[in-house]
Amino acid sequence: MIYLDTHVVIWIYSGRIQSLSQRARRLIEYEPQILISPMVLLEMDYLHEIGRITLGAAPVFEYLHEKIGLQICSKSFIDIIKAASELPWIRDPFDRIIIAQAAIERNRLITKDKVILDHYEYAVW
């Protein structure tokens, strides 16, 4: 199972597959279970509210659910917060929870974020 960071979800939705690394594209193509943290949905709605993206989370998720089988992870919120508390190296609350969600079971997280790549052992690009 793999998790996608917010920017990866947005790039896939907007057809910017070429923005992803070859490794990321292969993982998405061949991994049967592709997940996002619910925090990705909240971050997309936030980005929409401030005008950084043109759509909110719902239509993006629905489209990617249909096209690539994207799922929302349902891990316990208290478990996620406990895991997030162990990530003092990341200050952004969206990223902290997204990473924690993947970290609970040491799942891979596809991201281009350099800080995450440098600190989360299972981050891939």
Protein backbone atom coordinates (compact mmCIF):
# COMPACT_ATOMS: atom_id res chain seq x y z
CA MET A 1 0.00 0.00 0.00
CA ILE A 2 1.19 3.52 -0.76
CA TYR A 3 0.09 6.97 0.33
CA LEU A 4 0.06 10.07 -1.82
CA ASP A 5 1.00 13.55 -0.64
CA THR A 6 -1.36 16.40 -1.53
CA HIS A 7 0.68 17.81 -4.40
CA VAL A 8 0.88 14.35 -5.97
CA VAL A 9 -2.91 14.03 -5.88
CA ILE A 10 -3.31 17.45 -7.48
CA TRP A 11 -0.76 16.70 -10.20
CA ILE A 12 -2.39 13.37 -11.08
CA TYR A 13 -5.83 14.96 -11.22
CA SER A 14 -4.65 17.83 -13.41
CA GLY A 15 -2.94 15.48 -15.85
CA ARG A 16 0.57 16.51 -14.84
CA ILE A 17 1.82 12.94 -14.67
CA GLN A 18 5.13 14.10 -16.17
CA SER A 19 5.68 16.10 -12.95
CA LEU A 20 6.04 12.80 -11.09
CA SER A 21 9.27 10.85 -11.01
CA GLN A 22 9.44 7.67 -13.03
CA ARG A 23 9.56 5.68 -9.79
CA ALA A 24 6.44 7.43 -8.46
CA ARG A 25 4.57 6.77 -11.70
CA ARG A 26 5.50 3.07 -11.57
CA LEU A 27 4.41 2.74 -7.94
CA ILE A 28 1.05 4.35 -8.68
CA GLU A 29 0.55 2.23 -11.79
CA TYR A 30 1.34 -1.12 -10.15
CA GLU A 31 0.34 -0.69 -6.51
CA PRO A 32 -3.10 -2.22 -5.91
CA GLN A 33 -3.87 -0.07 -2.85
CA ILE A 34 -3.39 3.69 -3.19
CA LEU A 35 -4.42 5.72 -0.16
CA ILE A 36 -4.57 9.27 1.08
CA SER A 37 -4.95 10.66 4.54
CA PRO A 38 -8.22 12.55 5.10
CA MET A 39 -5.86 15.47 5.80
CA VAL A 40 -5.12 15.58 2.06
CA LEU A 41 -8.80 16.36 1.48
CA LEU A 42 -8.74 19.12 4.07
CA GLU A 43 -5.56 20.59 2.59
CA MET A 44 -7.07 20.59 -0.91
CA ASP A 45 -10.16 22.39 0.38
CA TYR A 46 -7.90 24.91 2.11
CA LEU A 47 -5.90 25.45 -1.09
CA HIS A 48 -9.15 25.93 -2.99
CA GLU A 49 -10.41 28.46 -0.42
CA ILE A 50 -7.26 30.58 -0.77
CA GLY A 51 -7.34 30.36 -4.58
CA ARG A 52 -4.29 28.12 -5.10
CA ILE A 53 -6.31 25.38 -6.85
CA THR A 54 -9.54 25.65 -8.83
CA LEU A 55 -11.51 22.76 -7.29
CA GLY A 56 -12.14 21.53 -3.79
CA ALA A 57 -11.36 18.02 -2.62
CA ALA A 58 -14.64 16.23 -3.38
CA PRO A 59 -14.57 16.27 -7.20
CA VAL A 60 -10.83 15.54 -7.26
CA PHE A 61 -11.20 12.55 -4.95
CA GLU A 62 -14.25 11.19 -6.79
CA TYR A 63 -12.42 11.38 -10.12
CA LEU A 64 -9.25 9.70 -8.80
CA HIS A 65 -11.26 7.08 -6.94
CA GLU A 66 -12.83 6.10 -10.24
CA LYS A 67 -9.67 6.38 -12.36
CA ILE A 68 -6.96 4.89 -10.14
CA GLY A 69 -8.90 3.38 -7.24
CA LEU A 70 -7.77 6.04 -4.76
CA GLN A 71 -9.03 5.32 -1.23
CA ILE A 72 -9.21 7.32 1.99
CA CYS A 73 -7.37 5.70 4.88
CA SER A 74 -9.51 4.99 7.91
CA LYS A 75 -6.87 4.53 10.61
CA SER A 76 -7.81 5.68 14.09
CA PHE A 77 -7.43 9.44 14.53
CA ILE A 78 -5.94 9.05 18.01
CA ASP A 79 -3.32 6.65 16.60
CA ILE A 80 -2.50 9.17 13.89
CA ILE A 81 -2.12 11.99 16.42
CA LYS A 82 0.11 9.81 18.58
CA ALA A 83 2.30 9.08 15.56
CA ALA A 84 2.30 12.77 14.57
CA SER A 85 3.55 13.67 18.04
CA GLU A 86 6.68 11.69 17.26
CA LEU A 87 7.53 13.82 14.20
CA PRO A 88 9.01 17.03 15.62
CA TRP A 89 11.07 17.61 12.47
CA ILE A 90 8.02 18.70 10.43
CA ARG A 91 6.22 21.90 11.35
CA ASP A 92 3.42 21.99 8.77
CA PRO A 93 0.32 20.45 10.43
CA PHE A 94 -1.03 19.08 7.14
CA ASP A 95 2.25 17.32 6.34
CA ARG A 96 2.69 16.11 9.89
CA ILE A 97 -0.62 14.24 9.87
CA ILE A 98 -0.17 12.98 6.30
CA ILE A 99 3.23 11.53 7.23
CA ALA A 100 1.92 10.09 10.50
CA GLN A 101 -0.87 8.29 8.68
CA ALA A 102 1.65 6.51 6.46
CA ALA A 103 4.17 6.02 9.28
CA ILE A 104 1.87 4.02 11.56
CA GLU A 105 2.52 0.90 9.48
CA ARG A 106 5.72 2.12 7.79
CA ASN A 107 4.01 2.58 4.46
CA ARG A 108 5.56 4.42 1.56
CA LEU A 109 4.54 8.02 0.95
CA ILE A 110 5.00 9.45 -2.51
CA THR A 111 6.14 13.04 -2.17
CA LYS A 112 8.53 15.50 -3.75
CA ASP A 113 8.92 17.40 -0.48
CA LYS A 114 12.65 17.48 0.32
CA VAL A 115 12.17 17.73 4.10
CA ILE A 116 9.92 14.67 4.11
CA LEU A 117 12.29 12.77 1.81
CA ASP A 118 15.21 13.59 4.10
CA HIS A 119 13.45 12.55 7.32
CA TYR A 120 10.80 9.91 6.63
CA GLU A 121 12.53 6.64 5.82
CA TYR A 122 9.66 5.39 3.65
CA ALA A 123 9.17 8.54 1.60
CA VAL A 124 9.80 7.99 -2.08
CA TRP A 125 10.16 10.10 -5.14
